Protein backbone atom coordinates (compact mmCIF):
# COMPACT_ATOMS: atom_id res chain seq x y z
CA MET A 1 8.77 21.71 -8.69
CA MET A 2 8.41 20.83 -5.22
CA MET A 3 7.08 17.45 -6.28
CA THR A 4 10.71 16.67 -8.69
CA LYS A 5 12.20 17.74 -6.01
CA GLY A 6 10.39 15.87 -3.63
CA LYS A 7 10.25 12.81 -5.49
CA ARG A 8 14.03 13.22 -5.94
CA TYR A 9 14.49 13.50 -2.35
CA LEU A 10 12.39 10.32 -1.84
CA THR A 11 14.20 8.28 -4.65
CA GLY A 12 18.01 9.11 -3.08
CA ILE A 13 16.91 8.15 0.22
CA CYS A 14 15.33 4.94 -0.88
CA ALA A 15 18.34 4.27 -2.82
CA THR A 16 20.88 4.86 0.03
CA ALA A 17 18.93 2.58 2.36
CA GLY A 18 18.72 0.15 -0.33
CA MET A 19 22.33 -0.15 -0.16
CA GLY A 20 21.37 -1.91 2.90
CA GLY A 21 20.17 -4.58 0.13
CA PHE A 22 23.09 -4.41 -1.92
CA LEU A 23 25.25 -5.29 0.64
CA PHE A 24 22.97 -8.13 2.01
CA GLY A 25 22.97 -9.74 -1.55
CA PHE A 26 26.52 -8.90 -2.34
CA ASP A 27 27.55 -11.00 0.98
CA THR A 28 25.07 -13.99 0.13
CA ALA A 29 26.96 -14.55 -2.96
CA VAL A 30 30.61 -13.82 -2.85
CA ILE A 31 30.67 -16.32 -0.79
CA SER A 32 30.04 -18.97 -3.73
CA GLY A 33 33.10 -17.72 -5.80
CA ALA A 34 35.38 -18.71 -2.62
CA VAL A 35 33.11 -22.10 -1.60
CA ASN A 36 35.84 -24.73 -3.58
CA PHE A 37 39.09 -22.63 -2.51
CA LEU A 38 37.90 -23.12 0.95
CA ARG A 39 37.05 -26.66 0.63
CA VAL A 40 39.97 -27.41 -0.51
CA GLN A 41 42.48 -25.39 1.64
CA PHE A 42 40.95 -26.41 4.89
CA ARG A 43 39.96 -29.84 3.83
CA LEU A 44 36.01 -29.03 4.83
CA SER A 45 33.69 -31.64 5.29
CA PRO A 46 30.08 -31.40 3.95
CA ALA A 47 28.98 -30.44 7.89
CA LEU A 48 32.38 -27.78 7.94
CA GLU A 49 31.28 -26.65 4.61
CA GLY A 50 27.94 -26.24 5.73
CA TRP A 51 28.12 -24.14 8.64
CA ILE A 52 31.17 -21.67 7.07
CA MET A 53 28.49 -21.19 4.46
CA SER A 54 25.74 -20.72 6.89
CA SER A 55 27.85 -19.08 9.62
CA ALA A 56 26.93 -15.26 8.56
CA LEU A 57 23.26 -16.61 8.70
CA VAL A 58 23.88 -17.57 12.04
CA GLY A 59 24.49 -13.85 12.56
CA CYS A 60 21.78 -12.74 10.53
CA VAL A 61 19.40 -14.08 12.98
CA ALA A 62 20.95 -12.91 15.67
CA GLY A 63 21.17 -9.13 14.36
CA ALA A 64 17.72 -9.56 13.35
CA ALA A 65 16.47 -10.39 17.12
CA VAL A 66 17.35 -7.10 18.10
CA ALA A 67 17.31 -5.38 15.44
CA GLY A 68 13.85 -4.04 16.13
CA LEU A 69 13.95 -3.59 19.67
CA LEU A 70 17.10 -0.91 18.55
CA SER A 71 15.36 0.85 15.84
CA ASP A 72 12.39 1.79 18.04
CA ARG A 73 14.64 2.99 20.68
CA TYR A 74 17.20 4.77 18.98
CA GLY A 75 15.90 5.24 15.55
CA ARG A 76 16.25 3.37 11.92
CA ARG A 77 19.29 5.44 10.92
CA LYS A 78 21.72 4.74 13.68
CA VAL A 79 20.98 0.64 13.69
CA LEU A 80 21.88 1.29 9.63
CA PHE A 81 25.55 3.13 10.59
CA ALA A 82 25.86 0.15 12.45
CA SER A 83 25.25 -2.66 9.74
CA ALA A 84 27.50 -0.88 7.56
CA LEU A 85 30.08 -0.73 10.51
CA LEU A 86 29.73 -4.51 10.57
CA PHE A 87 30.20 -5.28 7.22
CA ILE A 88 33.50 -3.52 6.93
CA MET A 89 34.57 -5.20 9.67
CA SER A 90 33.64 -8.75 8.46
CA ALA A 91 34.99 -7.78 5.16
CA LEU A 92 38.40 -6.81 6.94
CA GLY A 93 38.11 -10.41 8.99
CA CYS A 94 37.45 -12.41 5.93
CA MET A 95 40.65 -11.58 4.03
CA VAL A 96 42.75 -11.84 6.45
CA ALA A 97 41.19 -15.19 8.04
CA GLY A 98 43.93 -17.94 8.45
CA THR A 99 41.75 -20.67 10.07
CA PRO A 100 38.06 -21.84 9.47
CA ALA A 101 37.39 -20.51 13.43
CA VAL A 102 38.47 -16.79 12.39
CA LEU A 103 36.43 -16.95 8.69
CA VAL A 104 32.91 -18.05 10.79
CA VAL A 105 33.50 -15.27 13.24
CA ALA A 106 33.90 -12.81 10.34
CA ARG A 107 31.06 -14.29 8.64
CA ILE A 108 28.76 -13.74 11.83
CA VAL A 109 29.96 -10.38 12.52
CA GLY A 110 28.60 -9.48 8.64
CA GLY A 111 25.65 -11.37 9.37
CA VAL A 112 24.29 -9.43 11.88
CA GLY A 113 25.09 -5.97 9.72
CA VAL A 114 22.93 -8.21 7.24
CA GLY A 115 20.33 -9.00 10.27
CA PHE A 116 19.99 -5.38 10.79
CA ALA A 117 20.18 -3.93 7.43
CA ALA A 118 17.76 -6.57 6.36
CA MET A 119 14.94 -5.30 8.87
CA VAL A 120 15.62 -1.63 8.85
CA ALA A 121 16.12 -1.08 5.38
CA PRO A 122 12.92 -1.91 4.14
CA MET A 123 10.85 -0.92 7.42
CA PHE A 124 12.37 2.32 6.72
CA ILE A 125 11.63 2.76 2.95
CA ALA A 126 7.95 2.03 3.86
CA GLU A 127 7.46 4.71 6.57
CA LEU A 128 8.69 7.48 4.15
CA ALA A 129 7.05 6.12 1.10
CA PRO A 130 3.77 7.70 -0.21
CA ALA A 131 0.84 4.56 -0.11
CA LYS A 132 0.76 4.52 -4.18
CA LEU A 133 4.07 3.65 -4.22
CA ARG A 134 5.34 2.09 -1.26
CA GLY A 135 5.22 -1.18 -3.14
CA ARG A 136 7.55 -0.13 -6.13
CA LEU A 137 9.88 2.12 -3.66
CA VAL A 138 10.12 -1.20 -0.91
CA SER A 139 10.99 -3.46 -3.80
CA ILE A 140 13.60 -0.92 -4.53
CA TYR A 141 15.25 -3.05 -1.48
CA GLN A 142 14.70 -6.11 -3.33
CA LEU A 143 16.31 -5.22 -6.55
CA ALA A 144 19.44 -4.01 -4.48
CA ILE A 145 19.51 -7.32 -2.68
CA THR A 146 19.91 -8.47 -6.44
CA LEU A 147 22.36 -5.99 -7.98
CA GLY A 148 24.65 -7.11 -5.09
CA ILE A 149 24.53 -10.78 -5.99
CA LEU A 150 24.85 -9.77 -9.48
CA CYS A 151 28.32 -7.88 -8.78
CA SER A 152 29.76 -10.22 -6.45
CA TYR A 153 29.51 -12.66 -9.25
CA LEU A 154 30.62 -10.70 -11.62
CA SER A 155 33.38 -9.48 -9.00
CA ASN A 156 34.41 -13.02 -8.19
CA ALA A 157 34.56 -13.83 -11.99
CA LEU A 158 37.05 -10.63 -12.78
CA LEU A 159 39.45 -11.64 -9.96
CA LEU A 160 39.28 -15.59 -11.02
CA GLN A 161 40.61 -14.01 -14.52
CA TYR A 162 43.02 -11.65 -12.86
CA ALA A 163 44.32 -14.42 -11.09
CA ALA A 164 44.75 -16.95 -13.91
CA ALA A 165 46.72 -13.95 -15.88
CA HIS A 166 49.28 -13.64 -12.86
CA ILE A 167 49.17 -16.67 -11.64
CA GLY A 168 53.51 -16.51 -12.52
CA ALA A 169 54.11 -12.91 -11.02
CA ALA A 170 56.39 -12.34 -8.64
CA SER A 171 55.29 -12.67 -4.83
CA GLY A 172 53.85 -9.62 -2.47
CA PRO A 173 50.71 -8.44 -0.64
CA VAL A 174 48.90 -8.02 -3.69
CA HIS A 175 49.50 -11.47 -5.56
CA TYR A 176 48.81 -13.16 -2.01
CA PHE A 177 44.99 -11.28 -1.94
CA LEU A 178 44.38 -11.21 -5.58
CA VAL A 179 46.42 -14.61 -7.37
CA ALA A 180 47.60 -17.26 -4.62
CA GLU A 181 44.70 -17.15 -2.26
CA VAL A 182 41.81 -15.37 -4.42
CA TRP A 183 39.48 -16.35 -2.20
CA ARG A 184 40.66 -13.32 0.36
CA GLY A 185 40.25 -11.02 -2.44
CA MET A 186 36.53 -11.86 -3.00
CA LEU A 187 35.65 -12.22 0.20
CA GLY A 188 37.29 -8.68 0.77
CA SER A 189 35.96 -6.95 -2.12
CA ASN A 190 32.97 -6.39 0.27
CA VAL A 191 34.49 -3.54 2.24
CA LEU A 192 34.05 -1.05 -1.03
CA PRO A 193 30.38 -0.96 -0.88
CA ALA A 194 30.15 -1.25 2.89
CA LEU A 195 32.48 2.40 3.52
CA LEU A 196 30.25 4.02 0.07
CA PHE A 197 27.23 3.11 2.26
CA PHE A 198 27.97 4.53 5.62
CA LEU A 199 29.47 7.69 3.94
CA LEU A 200 25.84 8.18 2.16
CA LEU A 201 23.91 7.81 5.20
CA PHE A 202 25.31 10.69 6.57
CA LEU A 203 22.72 12.26 3.68
CA VAL A 204 19.49 10.44 5.23
CA PRO A 205 16.86 11.74 7.42
CA GLU A 206 15.17 9.64 10.08
CA SER A 207 12.21 7.90 9.45
CA PRO A 208 9.27 10.91 10.11
CA ARG A 209 6.93 8.06 11.61
CA TRP A 210 9.82 6.88 14.45
CA LEU A 211 10.13 11.00 15.13
CA VAL A 212 6.47 11.33 15.58
CA GLN A 213 6.65 8.25 18.03
CA GLN A 214 9.67 10.28 19.67
CA GLY A 215 7.47 13.65 20.25
CA ARG A 216 9.89 15.37 17.41
CA GLU A 217 6.45 16.55 15.36
CA ARG A 218 8.51 19.24 14.16
CA VAL A 219 11.01 17.54 12.46
CA ALA A 220 9.06 14.91 11.38
CA TYR A 221 7.04 17.08 9.43
CA GLU A 222 10.25 19.06 8.12
CA VAL A 223 10.67 15.64 6.70
CA LEU A 224 7.44 14.59 5.16
CA ARG A 225 7.66 18.14 3.61
CA ARG A 226 10.39 17.92 1.72
CA ILE A 227 8.93 14.90 0.32
CA ASN A 228 5.05 15.62 -0.58
CA GLY A 229 4.65 19.33 -0.11
CA GLU A 230 3.36 21.41 2.87
CA VAL A 231 -0.27 20.53 2.45
CA GLN A 232 -0.04 16.61 2.08
CA ALA A 233 2.77 16.44 4.58
CA ALA A 234 0.49 18.40 7.53
CA GLY A 235 -2.29 15.81 6.41
CA GLU A 236 -0.21 12.76 6.66
CA LEU A 237 1.60 14.39 10.04
CA GLN A 238 -1.94 14.81 11.45
CA GLU A 239 -2.63 11.28 10.62
CA ILE A 240 0.48 9.72 12.17
CA THR A 241 -0.33 11.56 15.41
CA MET A 242 -3.76 10.17 15.77
CA ALA A 243 -3.03 6.38 14.55
CA LEU A 244 -0.29 6.62 16.97
CA SER A 245 -2.21 8.10 19.91
CA GLU A 246 -4.98 5.24 19.38
CA GLU A 247 -2.26 2.75 20.15
CA ARG A 248 -0.96 1.42 23.03
CA GLU A 249 2.91 1.33 24.36
CA GLY A 250 4.43 -0.79 21.98
CA ASN A 251 5.82 -4.40 22.76
CA PHE A 252 6.06 -7.92 22.09
CA ARG A 253 2.84 -8.69 23.93
CA GLN A 254 0.95 -6.00 21.76
CA LEU A 255 1.22 -8.69 18.64
CA LEU A 256 -0.39 -11.31 20.98
CA ALA A 257 -3.54 -9.22 21.10
CA PRO A 258 -6.52 -10.68 19.28
CA GLY A 259 -5.93 -8.27 16.06
CA LEU A 260 -2.33 -8.79 15.18
CA ARG A 261 -2.29 -12.43 15.48
CA THR A 262 -2.71 -13.01 11.89
CA ALA A 263 -0.34 -10.63 11.51
CA LEU A 264 2.25 -12.04 13.45
CA VAL A 265 1.78 -15.71 12.12
CA ILE A 266 2.30 -14.07 8.71
CA GLY A 267 5.03 -12.64 9.97
CA LEU A 268 5.94 -15.72 11.12
CA ALA A 269 5.67 -18.21 8.22
CA LEU A 270 5.49 -16.37 5.13
CA PRO A 271 9.32 -15.15 5.07
CA PHE A 272 10.03 -18.99 6.35
CA LEU A 273 8.10 -20.41 3.63
CA SER A 274 9.51 -17.70 0.79
CA GLN A 275 13.43 -19.55 2.20
CA LEU A 276 11.85 -23.19 1.15
CA THR A 277 12.50 -21.85 -2.56
CA GLY A 278 15.91 -23.10 -2.11
CA ILE A 279 16.67 -19.07 -3.24
CA THR A 280 19.76 -19.02 -0.86
CA THR A 281 21.36 -22.69 -1.81
CA VAL A 282 20.87 -21.29 -5.70
CA MET A 283 22.85 -17.53 -4.45
CA TYR A 284 25.28 -19.85 -2.15
CA TYR A 285 26.12 -22.97 -4.36
CA ALA A 286 25.62 -21.21 -8.09
CA PRO A 287 28.63 -22.41 -8.86
CA ALA A 288 29.21 -25.25 -7.39
CA ILE A 289 25.72 -26.82 -8.73
CA PHE A 290 26.71 -25.82 -12.64
CA GLU A 291 29.72 -27.49 -12.12
CA LYS A 292 27.80 -30.53 -10.93
CA ALA A 293 26.36 -30.22 -13.95
CA GLY A 294 28.68 -30.92 -15.71
CA PHE A 295 29.93 -26.89 -16.51
CA GLN A 296 33.46 -26.13 -16.67
CA SER A 297 34.66 -24.12 -13.91
CA GLY A 298 34.97 -20.79 -15.51
CA SER A 299 31.84 -21.67 -17.20
CA ALA A 300 30.55 -22.15 -14.43
CA MET A 301 31.04 -18.79 -13.06
CA GLY A 302 29.55 -17.26 -16.07
CA SER A 303 26.31 -19.26 -15.57
CA ALA A 304 26.01 -17.69 -12.31
CA SER A 305 26.23 -14.72 -13.45
CA VAL A 306 23.93 -15.14 -15.80
CA ILE A 307 21.51 -16.26 -13.06
CA GLY A 308 22.57 -12.82 -10.99
CA PHE A 309 21.84 -10.95 -14.23
CA PHE A 310 18.33 -12.63 -14.69
CA ASN A 311 17.19 -11.87 -11.05
CA MET A 312 18.16 -8.68 -11.56
CA ILE A 313 16.51 -7.84 -14.56
CA PHE A 314 13.45 -9.60 -13.07
CA THR A 315 13.01 -7.71 -10.11
CA PHE A 316 12.42 -4.29 -12.17
CA VAL A 317 8.88 -6.18 -13.23
CA ALA A 318 8.02 -5.94 -9.59
CA ILE A 319 9.05 -3.09 -9.09
CA TRP A 320 7.10 -1.81 -12.12
CA LYS A 321 3.89 -4.13 -11.41
CA ILE A 322 3.86 -4.54 -7.83
CA ASP A 323 1.33 -1.67 -7.23
CA ALA A 324 -0.85 -2.80 -10.15
CA TRP A 325 -0.77 -6.60 -9.84
CA GLY A 326 -1.28 -6.85 -5.63
CA ARG A 327 0.65 -8.18 -3.16
CA LYS A 328 -2.14 -11.65 -2.94
CA PRO A 329 -1.63 -12.53 -6.60
CA MET A 330 1.83 -12.00 -6.82
CA LEU A 331 2.43 -14.20 -3.87
CA ILE A 332 0.31 -16.97 -5.14
CA TRP A 333 1.56 -16.81 -8.42
CA GLY A 334 5.07 -16.81 -7.36
CA PHE A 335 5.00 -20.17 -5.26
CA ALA A 336 3.19 -21.99 -8.15
CA GLY A 337 5.67 -20.81 -10.80
CA LEU A 338 8.64 -21.79 -8.24
CA SER A 339 6.92 -25.27 -7.29
CA VAL A 340 7.03 -25.98 -11.55
CA ALA A 341 10.67 -24.27 -11.76
CA LEU A 342 12.22 -26.50 -8.91
CA LEU A 343 10.85 -29.43 -10.28
CA THR A 344 12.19 -29.08 -13.15
CA ILE A 345 15.40 -28.62 -11.45
CA GLY A 346 15.26 -31.42 -10.03
CA LEU A 347 13.89 -34.29 -12.28
CA LEU A 348 16.94 -32.89 -14.88
CA PHE A 349 19.51 -33.50 -12.32
CA TYR A 350 18.25 -36.73 -11.53
CA GLY A 351 17.61 -37.99 -15.16
CA GLY A 352 21.17 -35.91 -16.35
CA GLY A 353 19.29 -33.91 -18.47
CA ASP A 354 21.08 -31.35 -21.19
CA GLN A 355 22.71 -28.72 -19.42
CA HIS A 356 21.14 -25.69 -21.58
CA PHE A 357 18.01 -27.10 -20.60
CA LEU A 358 18.74 -26.92 -16.89
CA LEU A 359 19.99 -23.12 -17.07
CA GLY A 360 17.01 -22.68 -18.70
CA ALA A 361 15.01 -24.04 -16.02
CA PHE A 362 17.20 -22.17 -13.61
CA ILE A 363 16.46 -18.73 -15.41
CA PHE A 364 12.70 -19.85 -14.95
CA TYR A 365 12.96 -20.01 -11.23
CA ILE A 366 15.29 -16.85 -10.50
CA ALA A 367 12.88 -14.94 -13.14
CA VAL A 368 9.74 -16.20 -11.16
CA PHE A 369 10.91 -16.02 -7.45
CA ALA A 370 12.57 -12.29 -8.95
CA ALA A 371 9.43 -11.03 -10.26
CA THR A 372 7.06 -11.96 -7.10
CA ILE A 373 8.68 -13.74 -3.59
CA GLY A 374 11.41 -11.44 -3.11
CA PRO A 375 10.12 -8.44 -3.20
CA GLY A 376 6.78 -9.55 -2.21
CA VAL A 377 7.61 -11.12 0.93
CA TRP A 378 9.72 -7.61 1.66
CA VAL A 379 6.74 -5.53 1.18
CA ILE A 380 4.18 -7.48 2.95
CA ILE A 381 6.09 -7.58 6.20
CA ALA A 382 7.04 -4.11 6.09
CA GLU A 383 3.29 -2.94 5.35
CA ILE A 384 1.39 -5.27 7.90
CA TYR A 385 2.47 -3.40 11.37
CA PRO A 386 1.58 -0.65 13.48
CA THR A 387 3.96 1.93 14.38
CA ARG A 388 5.01 1.72 17.44
CA VAL A 389 5.44 -2.27 17.07
CA ARG A 390 6.73 -2.32 13.56
CA GLY A 391 10.36 -2.46 14.15
CA ARG A 392 10.23 -5.70 17.09
CA ALA A 393 7.71 -7.28 14.89
CA MET A 394 9.55 -6.80 11.58
CA SER A 395 12.63 -8.14 13.76
CA ILE A 396 10.44 -11.44 14.49
CA ALA A 397 9.52 -11.98 10.89
CA THR A 398 13.28 -10.86 9.46
CA LEU A 399 14.23 -13.16 12.50
CA SER A 400 12.06 -15.94 10.52
CA LEU A 401 13.52 -15.22 7.13
CA PHE A 402 17.38 -15.98 8.08
CA LEU A 403 16.15 -18.86 10.48
CA GLY A 404 14.44 -20.31 7.20
CA SER A 405 17.40 -19.47 5.24
CA THR A 406 19.73 -21.01 7.60
CA PHE A 407 18.03 -24.31 7.84
CA VAL A 408 18.00 -24.56 4.50
CA THR A 409 22.44 -23.72 3.67
CA GLN A 410 22.94 -25.94 6.42
CA THR A 411 21.23 -28.71 5.22
CA TYR A 412 22.09 -28.82 1.78
CA PRO A 413 25.73 -30.16 1.91
CA LEU A 414 24.10 -32.95 3.77
CA LEU A 415 21.08 -33.52 1.06
CA ARG A 416 23.58 -33.23 -1.57
CA GLU A 417 25.75 -35.97 -0.11
CA SER A 418 22.91 -38.09 0.87
CA LEU A 419 20.30 -38.10 -1.48
CA GLY A 420 21.87 -36.23 -4.85
CA ILE A 421 21.07 -32.39 -6.14
CA GLY A 422 17.86 -33.79 -7.81
CA VAL A 423 16.01 -34.98 -4.65
CA ALA A 424 16.69 -31.92 -2.96
CA PHE A 425 15.12 -29.32 -5.19
CA VAL A 426 12.26 -31.33 -5.55
CA LEU A 427 11.63 -31.18 -2.02
CA TYR A 428 11.63 -27.56 -2.35
CA GLY A 429 9.15 -27.87 -5.54
CA LEU A 430 6.82 -30.27 -3.06
CA ALA A 431 7.22 -27.50 -0.11
CA MET A 432 5.61 -24.70 -2.26
CA ALA A 433 2.24 -26.32 -1.62
CA PRO A 434 1.57 -25.81 1.62
CA ALA A 435 2.90 -21.58 0.94
CA ILE A 436 0.36 -21.28 -1.80
CA ALA A 437 -2.48 -22.02 0.89
CA PHE A 438 -1.00 -20.06 3.49
CA VAL A 439 -1.04 -16.82 1.23
CA GLY A 440 -4.77 -17.36 -0.52
CA LYS A 441 -5.81 -18.35 3.27
CA LEU A 442 -4.45 -15.72 5.44
CA VAL A 443 -2.57 -12.88 3.55
CA PRO A 444 -4.64 -9.67 3.58
CA GLU A 445 -4.28 -7.49 0.13
CA THR A 446 -2.73 -4.05 1.23
CA LYS A 447 -2.26 -2.47 -2.53
CA GLY A 448 -2.87 1.42 -2.61
CA ARG A 449 -3.50 1.77 1.35
CA THR A 450 -1.44 3.95 3.86
CA LEU A 451 0.25 2.58 6.33
CA GLU A 452 -2.57 3.65 9.09
CA ASP A 453 -5.23 2.16 7.07
CA ILE A 454 -3.56 -1.20 7.09
CA GLU A 455 -3.53 -0.96 10.81
CA ARG A 456 -6.99 -0.02 11.11
CA HIS A 457 -7.90 -3.41 8.77
CA TRP A 458 -6.26 -5.56 12.24
CA THR A 459 -8.53 -2.90 14.41
CA VAL A 460 -11.86 -4.24 12.63
CA GLU A 461 -10.54 -7.42 12.33
CA GLU A 462 -10.82 -7.47 16.11
CA LYS A 463 -14.00 -6.04 16.97
CA ASN A 464 -15.20 -8.74 14.11
CA LYS A 465 -13.83 -11.31 15.90
CA ASN A 466 -15.47 -10.29 19.32
CA LEU A 467 -18.66 -9.35 17.97
CA ASN A 468 -18.76 -13.29 16.71
């Protein structure tokens, strides 16, 4: 009975932390329904359009850059609370924005919230989860991202339907936000899940590994006991304490130690390479991309919702199989499959292929990403660092992810206008070759290993290098 309650408790904690992923996904994709309205209302040039779309990612970079330091100093839970408040402020700011500048500021604020949540939530889940379930539970975070993306597409479609049905209604605040300038309702809808996230965080404990680091072993034991029972909690607490006692004081310089340099390179390169898949471009521009392919406006939004649906469904495949397949094979096959999908999409755009084939290629693309790269990258970067520097190290890794996302999002409108959509996707496809080589050469297999065991892997590697 204790284990049943413990699993239920753990699932609730992970689901709550995963709400940060839901807000990440919602905030990422909700702008996709508004971009065409914004382009007309504010007469956006391609460069300004790219800036509005990528401005949230600038906030993500800033948030990820400081989230590690803050989470190591003040705890994981407090940083998640801060992210929830920033999401609320951003949604309200976007809803009332009167100029592109105000909209950009509001999106940057939301981006900081995304940076906080994206860095802390998967790390928080990894620090709570048992080794045999860690891949599956961290993948809940990616599932939450995909659910947020799907919900943003569906809410955008519903708001468009509502606006079309009430176009001749009497004016007023509701008409202004939901009909006359429906994009305001789209961008403001994020406030509801953000409020829910904020309230649910009051039910979540602090990470036991962070608590031990702060000398609060008794509180850490109570958290572990509720999850794993008394006997296993005592053993896990002892292992955490021993691992921390062997670590030097955590700082960025420790990441440059011989045994951790490879982990640092993985944390810098792998997230960036994952963004060269063009996933942010697809999520931000899906309706606009489908309109370029000849779909009608409503049909384009519907096609984007189909993409969001398959994104969520195939994330369940990752949750089901990641602890069986292993991280490394999943990443290698994921990058290979994405290369095929991206090259196919590019050639279909370039050659004017059938709409149904194009939609099928996008579904294949999103299915591969959701089942492999999406969750796989988050799991790897949440696992490979020692506890004392995990927050700051994950901050670097998450920063790299958002820098890659910012680069792709900012350059896509320019590539679209100068070279065409087809060439842009072909370039994304070609970028997968070095990603496959990188994973094959450097990324270790971490399936089924405790965080402390993974930490000892780097120590052994350092000793071997010294002997050689």
